[in-house]
N, C-alpha and C. Protein backbone atom coordinates (compact mmCIF):
# COMPACT_ATOMS: atom_id res chain seq x y z
N MET A 1 22.64 42.49 18.23
CA MET A 1 23.31 43.20 18.59
C MET A 1 24.17 43.39 19.93
N ALA A 2 22.65 44.13 20.54
CA ALA A 2 22.97 44.03 22.16
C ALA A 2 23.44 43.05 23.26
N SER A 3 23.25 41.77 22.31
CA SER A 3 23.56 40.40 23.25
C SER A 3 25.25 40.16 22.97
N ARG A 4 25.39 40.45 21.48
CA ARG A 4 26.90 39.89 21.40
C ARG A 4 27.65 40.99 22.29
N LYS A 5 27.68 42.31 22.38
CA LYS A 5 28.03 43.52 23.35
C LYS A 5 28.25 43.13 24.66
N LYS A 6 27.14 42.21 25.31
CA LYS A 6 26.98 42.02 26.46
C LYS A 6 28.01 40.64 26.23
N GLY A 7 27.73 39.83 25.84
CA GLY A 7 28.94 38.83 25.57
C GLY A 7 30.36 38.89 25.77
N SER A 8 30.45 40.35 24.76
CA SER A 8 32.06 40.29 24.60
C SER A 8 32.21 41.27 26.00
N ASP A 9 31.78 41.70 26.51
CA ASP A 9 31.93 42.78 27.97
C ASP A 9 32.29 41.70 29.09
N ASN A 10 31.30 40.79 28.99
CA ASN A 10 31.68 39.40 29.97
C ASN A 10 32.98 38.60 29.74
N LYS A 11 33.22 38.75 28.49
CA LYS A 11 34.56 37.81 28.14
C LYS A 11 35.82 38.64 28.88
N ARG A 12 35.38 40.06 28.43
CA ARG A 12 36.86 41.04 28.91
C ARG A 12 36.94 40.95 30.39
N LYS A 13 35.91 40.28 31.01
CA LYS A 13 36.45 40.23 32.61
C LYS A 13 37.33 39.20 33.10
N LEU A 14 37.31 38.18 32.30
CA LEU A 14 38.35 37.14 32.47
C LEU A 14 39.95 37.18 31.68
N ILE A 15 40.27 38.23 32.13
CA ILE A 15 41.54 38.78 31.72
C ILE A 15 42.37 38.09 32.36
N THR A 16 42.31 37.02 33.23
CA THR A 16 43.63 36.30 33.35
C THR A 16 43.36 35.14 32.59
N LYS A 17 42.44 34.89 31.77
CA LYS A 17 42.76 34.03 31.11
C LYS A 17 43.13 34.53 29.80
N LEU A 18 42.31 35.67 29.44
CA LEU A 18 42.46 36.11 27.84
C LEU A 18 44.11 36.87 28.18
N ASN A 19 44.31 37.57 28.87
CA ASN A 19 45.83 38.30 28.56
C ASN A 19 46.60 38.12 30.24
N PRO A 20 46.86 36.26 30.02
CA PRO A 20 47.54 36.32 31.21
C PRO A 20 48.89 36.78 31.59
N LYS A 21 49.65 37.39 30.82
CA LYS A 21 50.80 38.25 30.77
C LYS A 21 50.73 39.93 31.42
N SER A 22 48.96 40.37 31.27
CA SER A 22 49.00 41.48 31.83
C SER A 22 49.29 41.83 33.44
N PRO A 23 49.55 43.19 34.07
CA PRO A 23 49.66 43.48 35.00
C PRO A 23 48.53 43.25 35.74
N ILE A 24 47.62 43.12 35.30
CA ILE A 24 46.30 43.09 36.48
C ILE A 24 46.24 41.41 36.83
N SER A 25 46.65 40.95 35.83
CA SER A 25 46.56 39.19 36.27
C SER A 25 47.60 38.70 36.87
N GLU A 26 48.86 39.59 36.88
CA GLU A 26 49.79 39.19 37.78
C GLU A 26 49.40 39.51 39.14
N GLN A 27 48.90 40.60 39.09
CA GLN A 27 48.27 40.77 40.64
C GLN A 27 47.09 39.83 41.17
N TYR A 28 46.73 39.44 40.22
CA TYR A 28 45.83 38.08 40.77
C TYR A 28 46.36 37.07 41.07
N ARG A 29 47.42 36.92 40.47
CA ARG A 29 48.83 36.05 40.94
C ARG A 29 48.96 36.06 42.32
N THR A 30 49.59 37.57 42.49
CA THR A 30 49.57 37.62 43.96
C THR A 30 48.74 37.29 45.07
N ILE A 31 47.16 38.10 44.42
CA ILE A 31 46.26 37.46 45.57
C ILE A 31 46.38 36.11 46.07
N ARG A 32 46.35 35.27 44.86
CA ARG A 32 46.40 33.69 44.86
C ARG A 32 47.50 33.26 46.17
N THR A 33 49.01 33.86 45.73
CA THR A 33 49.86 33.74 46.99
C THR A 33 49.62 34.14 48.36
N ASN A 34 49.42 35.03 48.39
CA ASN A 34 48.90 36.14 49.52
C ASN A 34 47.57 34.99 50.14
N ILE A 35 46.53 34.68 49.64
CA ILE A 35 45.75 33.48 50.20
C ILE A 35 46.45 32.30 50.60
N GLN A 36 47.06 31.79 49.99
CA GLN A 36 47.71 30.68 50.04
C GLN A 36 48.64 30.25 51.34
N PHE A 37 49.36 31.66 51.78
CA PHE A 37 50.12 31.77 52.93
C PHE A 37 49.79 32.66 54.11
N SER A 38 48.24 33.00 53.77
CA SER A 38 47.21 33.81 54.93
C SER A 38 47.29 32.71 56.09
N SER A 39 46.89 31.40 56.26
CA SER A 39 46.79 30.76 57.55
C SER A 39 48.33 29.96 57.48
N VAL A 40 49.30 29.68 58.77
CA VAL A 40 50.08 28.74 59.18
C VAL A 40 49.26 27.33 59.57
N ASP A 41 48.04 27.25 59.72
CA ASP A 41 47.45 26.06 60.27
C ASP A 41 46.50 25.08 59.71
N LYS A 42 46.27 25.87 58.67
CA LYS A 42 45.13 24.78 57.56
C LYS A 42 45.63 25.64 56.27
N ASP A 43 45.09 24.53 55.18
CA ASP A 43 44.95 24.79 54.22
C ASP A 43 43.43 25.56 53.75
N ILE A 44 43.57 26.49 52.82
CA ILE A 44 42.24 27.64 52.91
C ILE A 44 42.09 26.83 51.18
N ARG A 45 41.33 26.50 51.35
CA ARG A 45 40.07 25.59 50.52
C ARG A 45 38.85 25.95 49.96
N SER A 46 38.29 26.78 51.06
CA SER A 46 36.71 27.01 50.76
C SER A 46 36.78 28.25 50.67
N ILE A 47 36.42 29.54 49.88
CA ILE A 47 36.81 30.93 49.83
C ILE A 47 35.67 31.44 49.37
N LEU A 48 35.27 32.51 49.88
CA LEU A 48 34.02 33.58 49.97
C LEU A 48 34.36 34.56 49.57
N VAL A 49 34.10 35.46 48.58
CA VAL A 49 34.27 36.74 48.12
C VAL A 49 33.21 37.49 47.98
N THR A 50 33.23 38.62 48.73
CA THR A 50 31.98 39.53 48.81
C THR A 50 32.40 40.80 48.91
N SER A 51 31.12 41.43 48.78
CA SER A 51 31.38 43.29 48.60
C SER A 51 30.47 43.82 49.46
N THR A 52 30.90 45.14 49.84
CA THR A 52 30.23 45.79 50.57
C THR A 52 28.66 46.29 50.15
N ALA A 53 28.60 46.63 48.77
CA ALA A 53 27.48 46.68 47.93
C ALA A 53 27.38 46.55 46.98
N PRO A 54 26.40 46.60 45.84
CA PRO A 54 26.80 45.81 44.48
C PRO A 54 27.78 46.73 43.27
N ALA A 55 28.28 46.02 42.35
CA ALA A 55 28.86 46.56 41.53
C ALA A 55 30.10 47.32 41.57
N GLU A 56 30.84 46.48 42.68
CA GLU A 56 32.15 46.64 43.40
C GLU A 56 33.25 45.95 42.73
N GLY A 57 32.43 45.14 42.09
CA GLY A 57 33.82 44.09 41.38
C GLY A 57 33.95 42.87 41.80
N LYS A 58 33.07 42.43 42.86
CA LYS A 58 33.05 40.70 43.70
C LYS A 58 33.33 39.60 42.21
N SER A 59 31.95 39.71 41.48
CA SER A 59 31.93 38.99 40.75
C SER A 59 32.97 38.52 39.51
N THR A 60 33.34 39.87 39.31
CA THR A 60 34.65 39.30 38.57
C THR A 60 35.82 39.12 39.06
N THR A 61 36.26 39.64 40.23
CA THR A 61 37.22 39.37 41.12
C THR A 61 37.34 37.45 41.51
N VAL A 62 36.31 37.38 41.94
CA VAL A 62 36.16 35.41 42.04
C VAL A 62 36.52 34.73 41.17
N THR A 63 35.99 35.09 39.59
CA THR A 63 35.99 34.64 38.60
C THR A 63 37.75 34.46 38.17
N ASN A 64 38.22 35.71 38.34
CA ASN A 64 39.62 35.78 37.84
C ASN A 64 40.33 35.14 38.96
N LEU A 65 39.99 34.76 39.94
CA LEU A 65 41.01 34.14 41.37
C LEU A 65 40.60 32.61 41.06
N ALA A 66 39.55 32.49 40.72
CA ALA A 66 39.45 30.85 39.98
C ALA A 66 40.11 30.29 39.15
N VAL A 67 40.39 31.35 37.55
CA VAL A 67 40.87 31.07 36.83
C VAL A 67 42.92 30.82 37.30
N VAL A 68 43.21 31.89 38.04
CA VAL A 68 44.18 31.47 38.25
C VAL A 68 44.52 30.49 39.41
N PHE A 69 43.95 30.11 40.12
CA PHE A 69 44.38 28.90 40.68
C PHE A 69 44.36 27.71 39.92
N ALA A 70 43.27 27.58 39.01
CA ALA A 70 43.19 26.76 38.25
C ALA A 70 44.42 26.30 37.12
N GLN A 71 45.03 27.92 36.79
CA GLN A 71 46.30 27.81 36.20
C GLN A 71 47.58 27.45 36.98
N GLN A 72 47.39 27.15 38.16
CA GLN A 72 48.15 26.70 39.00
C GLN A 72 48.24 25.45 39.27
N GLY A 73 47.74 24.57 38.36
CA GLY A 73 47.06 22.92 38.43
C GLY A 73 46.16 23.22 39.75
N LYS A 74 45.41 23.77 40.60
CA LYS A 74 44.41 23.35 41.65
C LYS A 74 43.39 22.55 40.47
N LYS A 75 42.41 21.51 41.03
CA LYS A 75 41.32 21.81 40.52
C LYS A 75 40.11 22.40 41.37
N VAL A 76 39.47 23.12 40.62
CA VAL A 76 39.09 24.59 41.03
C VAL A 76 37.29 24.26 40.38
N LEU A 77 36.40 24.78 41.51
CA LEU A 77 34.79 24.96 40.99
C LEU A 77 34.35 26.06 41.84
N LEU A 78 33.93 27.02 40.63
CA LEU A 78 33.67 28.32 41.05
C LEU A 78 31.67 28.10 41.24
N VAL A 79 31.41 28.09 42.36
CA VAL A 79 30.13 28.07 42.73
C VAL A 79 29.49 29.85 42.42
N ASP A 80 28.25 29.87 42.26
CA ASP A 80 27.54 30.96 41.96
C ASP A 80 26.82 31.05 43.10
N ALA A 81 26.65 31.66 44.01
CA ALA A 81 25.89 31.29 45.23
C ALA A 81 25.31 32.92 45.52
N ASP A 82 25.57 33.81 44.74
CA ASP A 82 24.37 35.18 44.63
C ASP A 82 22.96 34.59 44.15
N LEU A 83 22.59 33.57 44.69
CA LEU A 83 20.87 33.48 44.30
C LEU A 83 20.03 34.43 43.99
N ARG A 84 20.62 35.81 44.06
CA ARG A 84 19.66 36.90 44.03
C ARG A 84 19.87 37.44 42.56
N LYS A 85 21.12 37.83 42.08
CA LYS A 85 21.21 38.39 40.93
C LYS A 85 22.93 37.72 40.35
N PRO A 86 22.38 36.63 39.97
CA PRO A 86 23.41 35.48 39.55
C PRO A 86 23.96 36.20 38.20
N THR A 87 25.54 36.44 37.93
CA THR A 87 26.28 36.39 37.01
C THR A 87 27.25 35.39 36.40
N VAL A 88 27.36 34.71 36.95
CA VAL A 88 28.45 33.73 36.49
C VAL A 88 28.29 33.07 35.29
N HIS A 89 26.81 32.63 35.09
CA HIS A 89 26.67 32.01 33.81
C HIS A 89 27.15 32.62 32.76
N PHE A 90 26.41 34.27 32.26
CA PHE A 90 27.03 35.28 31.72
C PHE A 90 28.01 35.09 31.26
N THR A 91 29.06 35.20 32.40
CA THR A 91 30.79 35.42 32.15
C THR A 91 30.99 34.01 31.20
N PHE A 92 30.60 32.64 31.64
CA PHE A 92 30.91 31.71 30.90
C PHE A 92 30.22 31.40 29.83
N ASN A 93 28.99 32.32 29.07
CA ASN A 93 28.07 31.64 28.56
C ASN A 93 27.58 30.50 28.43
N LEU A 94 27.06 30.24 29.76
CA LEU A 94 25.77 29.24 30.15
C LEU A 94 24.56 29.37 30.08
N THR A 95 24.05 28.18 30.22
CA THR A 95 22.35 28.29 30.72
C THR A 95 22.36 28.44 31.82
N ASN A 96 21.23 28.98 32.48
CA ASN A 96 21.66 29.07 34.22
C ASN A 96 19.83 28.17 34.57
N THR A 97 19.41 27.03 33.92
CA THR A 97 18.58 26.26 34.03
C THR A 97 18.81 25.62 35.17
N PHE A 98 19.49 24.86 35.66
CA PHE A 98 19.84 23.81 36.50
C PHE A 98 21.51 24.45 37.21
N GLY A 99 21.40 24.55 38.47
CA GLY A 99 22.30 24.61 39.43
C GLY A 99 22.48 24.83 40.87
N LEU A 100 22.90 25.36 41.53
CA LEU A 100 23.08 25.15 42.91
C LEU A 100 21.94 25.06 43.57
N THR A 101 21.00 25.85 43.23
CA THR A 101 19.54 25.66 43.62
C THR A 101 18.95 24.59 43.49
N ASN A 102 19.25 23.69 42.60
CA ASN A 102 18.71 22.40 41.91
C ASN A 102 19.19 21.19 43.07
N VAL A 103 20.44 21.62 42.92
CA VAL A 103 21.52 20.53 44.21
C VAL A 103 20.81 20.82 45.63
N LEU A 104 21.18 21.97 45.85
CA LEU A 104 20.27 22.01 47.44
C LEU A 104 18.73 21.85 47.71
N ALA A 105 18.16 21.75 46.67
CA ALA A 105 16.76 21.43 46.39
C ALA A 105 16.74 19.57 46.62
N LYS A 106 17.27 19.20 46.17
CA LYS A 106 18.10 17.40 46.01
C LYS A 106 16.84 17.13 45.00
N GLN A 107 17.18 18.36 43.55
CA GLN A 107 16.58 17.74 42.42
C GLN A 107 17.46 17.67 41.50
N ALA A 108 18.61 17.70 41.65
CA ALA A 108 19.56 17.19 40.69
C ALA A 108 20.99 17.00 41.48
N SER A 109 21.82 16.00 41.06
CA SER A 109 23.23 15.82 41.93
C SER A 109 24.36 16.98 41.30
N LEU A 110 25.37 17.27 42.12
CA LEU A 110 26.67 18.17 41.60
C LEU A 110 26.99 17.55 40.37
N LYS A 111 27.77 16.25 40.13
CA LYS A 111 27.87 15.89 39.00
C LYS A 111 26.98 16.11 37.63
N ASP A 112 25.94 16.30 38.01
CA ASP A 112 25.05 16.51 36.86
C ASP A 112 24.90 17.98 36.66
N THR A 113 24.99 18.78 37.56
CA THR A 113 24.84 20.16 37.04
C THR A 113 26.42 21.03 36.76
N MET A 114 27.18 20.70 37.31
CA MET A 114 28.75 20.69 37.26
C MET A 114 28.97 21.15 35.92
N VAL A 115 29.70 22.14 35.52
CA VAL A 115 30.20 22.15 34.24
C VAL A 115 31.63 22.27 33.87
N PRO A 116 32.28 21.68 33.38
CA PRO A 116 33.95 22.05 32.65
C PRO A 116 34.32 22.99 31.70
N THR A 117 34.99 24.33 32.04
CA THR A 117 34.97 25.29 31.16
C THR A 117 36.33 25.03 30.30
N ASP A 118 36.62 25.83 29.19
CA ASP A 118 37.38 25.57 28.57
C ASP A 118 38.84 26.14 29.31
N GLU A 119 38.97 26.40 30.28
CA GLU A 119 40.24 26.44 31.31
C GLU A 119 40.45 24.88 31.88
N GLU A 120 41.73 24.47 31.58
CA GLU A 120 41.81 23.14 32.24
C GLU A 120 42.14 23.64 33.75
N ASN A 121 40.99 22.62 34.24
CA ASN A 121 40.91 22.58 35.43
C ASN A 121 39.77 23.35 36.46
N LEU A 122 39.58 23.75 35.84
CA LEU A 122 38.27 24.82 36.24
C LEU A 122 37.13 24.42 35.78
N TYR A 123 36.22 24.03 36.85
CA TYR A 123 34.74 23.94 37.03
C TYR A 123 33.57 25.20 37.30
N VAL A 124 32.72 25.11 36.88
CA VAL A 124 31.50 25.86 37.45
C VAL A 124 30.27 25.13 37.76
N LEU A 125 30.04 25.88 38.94
CA LEU A 125 28.35 25.33 38.98
C LEU A 125 27.50 26.92 39.45
N VAL A 126 26.68 26.95 38.11
CA VAL A 126 25.72 28.12 38.08
C VAL A 126 24.83 28.25 39.19
N SER A 127 23.94 29.28 39.28
CA SER A 127 23.33 29.27 40.46
C SER A 127 22.11 28.35 40.55
N GLY A 128 21.74 28.46 39.02
CA GLY A 128 20.20 27.67 39.01
C GLY A 128 19.09 28.72 39.11
N PRO A 129 18.22 28.75 38.90
CA PRO A 129 16.71 29.61 39.04
C PRO A 129 16.77 29.82 40.96
N VAL A 130 16.50 31.38 40.29
CA VAL A 130 16.38 31.75 41.74
C VAL A 130 15.60 31.64 42.27
N PRO A 131 15.48 31.46 43.90
CA PRO A 131 14.64 31.01 44.78
C PRO A 131 14.01 32.02 45.44
N PRO A 132 12.90 31.78 46.41
CA PRO A 132 11.97 32.85 47.56
C PRO A 132 12.70 32.76 48.21
N ASN A 133 13.58 31.76 48.86
CA ASN A 133 14.32 31.70 50.33
C ASN A 133 15.97 31.48 50.22
N PRO A 134 16.57 32.44 49.40
CA PRO A 134 18.21 32.11 49.09
C PRO A 134 19.15 31.97 50.37
N ALA A 135 19.00 32.96 51.77
CA ALA A 135 19.43 32.52 52.49
C ALA A 135 19.29 31.51 53.55
N GLU A 136 17.80 31.23 53.38
CA GLU A 136 17.51 29.32 54.14
C GLU A 136 18.44 28.11 53.75
N LEU A 137 18.27 28.47 51.87
CA LEU A 137 18.83 27.42 51.10
C LEU A 137 20.58 27.55 51.65
N LEU A 138 21.18 28.55 51.73
CA LEU A 138 22.93 28.66 51.95
C LEU A 138 23.08 28.59 53.16
N GLY A 139 22.15 28.36 54.38
CA GLY A 139 22.10 27.72 55.60
C GLY A 139 21.71 26.69 55.85
N SER A 140 21.20 25.68 54.96
CA SER A 140 20.90 24.38 55.36
C SER A 140 21.87 23.22 55.30
N LYS A 141 21.43 21.91 55.81
CA LYS A 141 22.32 21.04 55.87
C LYS A 141 22.54 20.92 55.10
N ALA A 142 21.92 20.86 53.63
CA ALA A 142 22.19 20.52 52.20
C ALA A 142 23.47 21.04 51.91
N MET A 143 23.43 22.58 52.00
CA MET A 143 24.50 23.06 51.66
C MET A 143 25.94 22.64 52.53
N ASP A 144 25.83 22.38 53.95
CA ASP A 144 27.07 21.95 54.22
C ASP A 144 27.35 20.65 53.64
N ASP A 145 26.52 19.45 53.52
CA ASP A 145 27.14 18.31 52.80
C ASP A 145 27.45 18.76 51.42
N LEU A 146 26.72 19.60 51.24
CA LEU A 146 27.29 19.63 49.50
C LEU A 146 28.75 20.32 49.58
N ILE A 147 29.20 21.20 50.65
CA ILE A 147 30.26 22.05 50.68
C ILE A 147 31.68 20.52 50.72
N GLU A 148 30.90 19.82 51.94
CA GLU A 148 32.18 18.63 51.82
C GLU A 148 32.02 17.89 50.96
N ASN A 149 31.45 17.38 49.53
CA ASN A 149 31.39 16.67 48.79
C ASN A 149 32.10 17.34 47.86
N ILE A 150 32.02 18.82 47.62
CA ILE A 150 32.89 19.88 47.09
C ILE A 150 34.47 19.59 47.25
N LEU A 151 34.47 19.06 48.67
CA LEU A 151 35.94 19.13 48.83
C LEU A 151 36.86 17.81 49.02
N GLN A 152 35.55 16.72 48.51
CA GLN A 152 36.09 15.62 48.69
C GLN A 152 36.59 15.55 46.96
N GLU A 153 36.28 16.21 46.62
CA GLU A 153 36.83 16.30 44.62
C GLU A 153 37.19 17.41 43.92
N PHE A 154 37.20 18.49 44.83
CA PHE A 154 38.33 19.66 44.47
C PHE A 154 38.91 20.39 45.57
N ASP A 155 40.22 20.94 44.47
CA ASP A 155 41.38 21.06 45.74
C ASP A 155 40.69 22.68 46.45
N ILE A 156 40.26 23.62 45.57
CA ILE A 156 39.60 24.74 45.88
C ILE A 156 38.31 24.77 45.45
N VAL A 157 37.33 25.39 46.44
CA VAL A 157 35.70 26.16 45.99
C VAL A 157 35.86 27.26 46.71
N LEU A 158 35.48 28.48 45.21
CA LEU A 158 35.23 29.75 45.54
C LEU A 158 33.59 30.08 45.28
N PHE A 159 33.42 30.79 46.21
CA PHE A 159 31.85 31.28 46.52
C PHE A 159 31.94 32.84 45.54
N ASP A 160 30.86 33.11 44.62
CA ASP A 160 30.25 34.53 44.74
C ASP A 160 29.03 34.13 45.64
N SER A 161 29.12 35.76 46.39
CA SER A 161 28.04 35.82 47.09
C SER A 161 27.18 37.06 46.91
N PRO A 162 26.30 37.63 47.40
CA PRO A 162 25.79 38.88 47.27
C PRO A 162 26.19 39.74 48.39
N PRO A 163 26.31 41.13 48.03
CA PRO A 163 26.88 42.02 49.14
C PRO A 163 26.42 41.64 50.41
N VAL A 164 27.48 42.26 51.17
CA VAL A 164 27.35 42.18 52.51
C VAL A 164 26.12 42.62 53.46
N LEU A 165 26.12 44.26 52.85
CA LEU A 165 24.85 45.05 53.46
C LEU A 165 23.72 44.57 52.94
N ALA A 166 23.74 44.23 52.09
CA ALA A 166 22.31 44.22 51.05
C ALA A 166 21.60 42.87 51.79
N VAL A 167 21.77 41.59 51.85
CA VAL A 167 20.98 40.53 52.51
C VAL A 167 22.15 39.86 53.32
N THR A 168 21.34 38.88 54.36
CA THR A 168 22.63 38.23 55.38
C THR A 168 23.08 36.83 54.43
N ASP A 169 23.21 36.57 53.25
CA ASP A 169 23.34 35.42 52.34
C ASP A 169 25.33 35.34 52.52
N ALA A 170 25.80 36.72 52.72
CA ALA A 170 27.40 36.58 52.66
C ALA A 170 27.51 35.85 53.71
N GLN A 171 27.04 36.18 54.94
CA GLN A 171 27.25 36.04 56.15
C GLN A 171 27.00 34.70 56.62
N VAL A 172 26.09 34.37 56.25
CA VAL A 172 25.67 32.84 56.27
C VAL A 172 27.08 31.57 55.69
N LEU A 173 27.20 32.39 54.43
CA LEU A 173 28.16 31.36 54.04
C LEU A 173 29.56 31.86 54.43
N ALA A 174 29.64 32.76 54.84
CA ALA A 174 31.07 32.90 55.70
C ALA A 174 31.25 31.63 56.91
N THR A 175 30.54 31.88 57.26
CA THR A 175 30.39 30.84 58.67
C THR A 175 30.65 29.09 58.18
N ARG A 176 30.94 28.92 56.84
CA ARG A 176 30.83 27.74 56.39
C ARG A 176 32.36 28.14 55.62
N CYS A 177 32.72 29.11 55.22
CA CYS A 177 34.11 28.98 54.71
C CYS A 177 35.31 29.27 55.17
N ASP A 178 36.24 28.50 54.86
CA ASP A 178 37.86 28.75 55.15
C ASP A 178 37.88 30.26 55.87
N GLY A 179 37.51 31.03 54.50
CA GLY A 179 37.86 32.56 54.43
C GLY A 179 37.42 33.00 53.67
N THR A 180 37.31 34.28 53.93
CA THR A 180 36.81 35.44 53.09
C THR A 180 37.48 36.36 52.61
N ILE A 181 36.95 36.77 51.15
CA ILE A 181 38.06 37.82 50.72
C ILE A 181 36.64 39.37 50.40
N PHE A 182 37.30 39.98 51.02
CA PHE A 182 36.69 41.41 51.12
C PHE A 182 36.88 41.89 49.78
N VAL A 183 35.90 42.56 48.68
CA VAL A 183 35.89 43.52 47.30
C VAL A 183 35.81 44.70 47.83
N VAL A 184 36.44 45.95 47.95
CA VAL A 184 36.35 47.40 47.91
C VAL A 184 36.55 48.21 46.55
N SER A 185 35.65 49.12 46.42
CA SER A 185 35.85 49.69 45.25
C SER A 185 36.41 51.20 45.41
N SER A 186 37.95 51.63 44.98
CA SER A 186 38.25 52.96 45.19
C SER A 186 37.49 53.92 44.45
N GLY A 187 37.15 55.09 45.51
CA GLY A 187 36.23 56.23 45.17
C GLY A 187 34.88 56.04 45.31
N LYS A 188 34.16 54.79 45.40
CA LYS A 188 33.38 54.44 45.56
C LYS A 188 32.66 53.83 46.97
N THR A 189 33.30 52.86 47.31
CA THR A 189 32.90 52.15 48.81
C THR A 189 33.29 53.33 49.86
N GLU A 190 32.08 53.70 50.80
CA GLU A 190 32.08 54.42 52.13
C GLU A 190 33.04 53.78 53.31
N ILE A 191 33.91 54.12 53.67
CA ILE A 191 34.85 53.78 54.55
C ILE A 191 33.93 53.28 56.00
N GLU A 192 32.89 53.81 55.93
CA GLU A 192 31.79 53.49 57.34
C GLU A 192 31.23 52.20 57.03
N GLN A 193 30.91 52.37 55.48
CA GLN A 193 29.76 50.79 54.76
C GLN A 193 31.21 50.04 55.07
N ALA A 194 32.33 49.98 54.84
CA ALA A 194 33.03 49.20 54.41
C ALA A 194 33.16 48.55 55.51
N ALA A 195 33.50 49.22 56.92
CA ALA A 195 33.87 48.72 58.22
C ALA A 195 32.98 47.95 58.89
N LYS A 196 31.38 48.50 58.50
CA LYS A 196 30.05 47.99 58.73
C LYS A 196 30.00 46.71 58.08
N ALA A 197 30.37 46.42 57.07
CA ALA A 197 30.50 45.24 56.69
C ALA A 197 31.29 44.27 57.04
N LYS A 198 32.34 44.78 57.69
CA LYS A 198 33.65 43.75 58.12
C LYS A 198 33.13 43.42 59.54
N GLU A 199 32.32 44.23 60.59
CA GLU A 199 32.26 43.51 61.09
C GLU A 199 31.17 42.94 61.50
N SER A 200 30.04 42.94 60.25
CA SER A 200 28.90 42.02 60.04
C SER A 200 29.84 40.42 60.08
N LEU A 201 30.78 40.40 59.26
CA LEU A 201 31.40 39.32 58.79
C LEU A 201 31.93 38.34 60.09
N LEU A 202 32.50 39.83 60.78
CA LEU A 202 33.38 39.10 62.35
C LEU A 202 32.38 38.83 63.43
N SER A 203 31.19 39.41 63.23
CA SER A 203 29.86 39.02 64.20
C SER A 203 29.66 37.63 64.38
N VAL A 204 29.88 36.70 62.90
CA VAL A 204 29.33 35.82 62.74
C VAL A 204 30.59 34.56 62.73
N ASN A 205 31.67 35.45 62.80
CA ASN A 205 32.87 34.48 63.38
C ASN A 205 33.71 33.94 61.87
N GLY A 206 33.14 34.97 60.95
CA GLY A 206 34.07 34.77 59.78
C GLY A 206 35.17 34.92 60.05
N THR A 207 35.98 34.17 59.12
CA THR A 207 37.29 34.56 58.64
C THR A 207 37.58 35.59 57.61
N ILE A 208 38.40 36.68 57.77
CA ILE A 208 38.37 37.57 56.51
C ILE A 208 39.98 37.58 56.46
N LEU A 209 40.05 37.05 55.05
CA LEU A 209 41.84 36.67 55.11
C LEU A 209 42.21 38.25 54.48
N GLY A 210 41.74 39.46 54.07
CA GLY A 210 42.09 40.28 53.03
C GLY A 210 41.02 40.76 52.67
N ALA A 211 41.51 41.93 52.01
CA ALA A 211 40.67 42.60 51.32
C ALA A 211 40.96 43.16 49.86
N ILE A 212 40.50 43.24 48.93
CA ILE A 212 40.98 43.54 47.22
C ILE A 212 40.08 45.37 47.20
N LEU A 213 41.21 46.07 46.74
CA LEU A 213 41.29 47.43 46.90
C LEU A 213 40.74 47.47 44.78
N ASN A 214 39.71 47.48 44.50
CA ASN A 214 39.44 47.76 43.15
C ASN A 214 39.42 49.25 42.47
N ASN A 215 39.35 48.92 41.14
CA ASN A 215 39.25 50.49 39.98
C ASN A 215 40.44 51.45 41.07
N LYS A 216 41.63 51.22 41.54
CA LYS A 216 42.18 51.96 41.60
C LYS A 216 43.27 52.00 40.69
N LYS A 217 44.09 52.97 39.93
CA LYS A 217 44.93 52.98 39.19
C LYS A 217 46.06 53.20 40.31
N VAL A 218 46.88 51.96 40.02
CA VAL A 218 48.75 52.23 40.63
C VAL A 218 49.40 52.66 39.51
N LYS A 219 49.56 51.80 38.64
CA LYS A 219 50.22 51.97 37.25
C LYS A 219 49.25 52.07 36.23
N GLU A 220 49.80 52.43 35.22
CA GLU A 220 49.15 52.58 33.73
C GLU A 220 48.53 50.63 33.55
N ASP A 221 47.18 50.47 33.55
CA ASP A 221 46.45 49.30 33.14
C ASP A 221 46.94 48.25 34.03
N GLN A 222 46.94 49.01 35.93
CA GLN A 222 47.12 48.14 36.76
C GLN A 222 46.13 48.48 37.53
N TYR A 223 45.22 47.96 37.91
CA TYR A 223 43.84 48.33 38.70
C TYR A 223 43.84 47.58 40.60
N TYR A 224 44.19 46.41 40.15
CA TYR A 224 44.25 46.05 41.75
C TYR A 224 45.50 45.44 42.30
N TYR A 225 45.15 45.73 43.90
CA TYR A 225 46.16 44.83 44.86
C TYR A 225 45.79 44.86 46.10
N TYR A 226 46.38 44.16 46.81
CA TYR A 226 46.06 43.25 47.62
C TYR A 226 46.70 43.89 49.28
N HIS A 227 45.42 44.01 50.00
CA HIS A 227 46.05 44.39 51.10
C HIS A 227 45.27 43.53 52.85
N ASN A 228 46.45 43.13 53.44
CA ASN A 228 46.14 42.26 54.26
C ASN A 228 44.88 43.33 55.57
N VAL A 229 43.72 42.92 55.93
CA VAL A 229 43.04 43.91 56.63
C VAL A 229 43.36 43.34 58.43
N ASN A 230 43.75 41.98 58.31
CA ASN A 230 43.68 41.31 59.73
C ASN A 230 44.57 42.42 60.36
């Protein structure tokens, strides 16, 4: 009974797929547009989504962004790079036996581990087994090579990472992505903590595309809006 409820809860996170005409889904499309126009110098193809602290909505955000990019006709890979508390496999009801950590450890290939979803154009690479050294794996030459390989096959790659202030993983990934989206939670994220997290990303020369204020009720059933923080 509990497992069915958990599956139902995770399914509801995919609002852009299950209810594409909802106000929240429209906000995700607005965020997509803002991302695409955020740089005039180059296409934004590799995107990191992170937050200040746990439970601020980053995983739900990155998953729905992946869906709306795929709905636009882009070939998208969603990578669960939260190698400490991965959740993407729950959302898509996948096993987490083989994934990113196996690819980085040269135990499997990207082709063998990525999984197509029932959303056309959207593929998922789950985290794989939780390793003892997540930051080292994400900062490895193998990770650089993997991103290069992904971008040869996909139009867009989105990474879900641990929160910035919890561990260094997001900083490591931010240096390898074209841009970072920062999720903050209305009424929960402290301003000082958000500012500290932002500085942490900028200190490694990460490019912050903007922030998403989550759980802010603007209108009925409309909880997300985009704000450029640059």
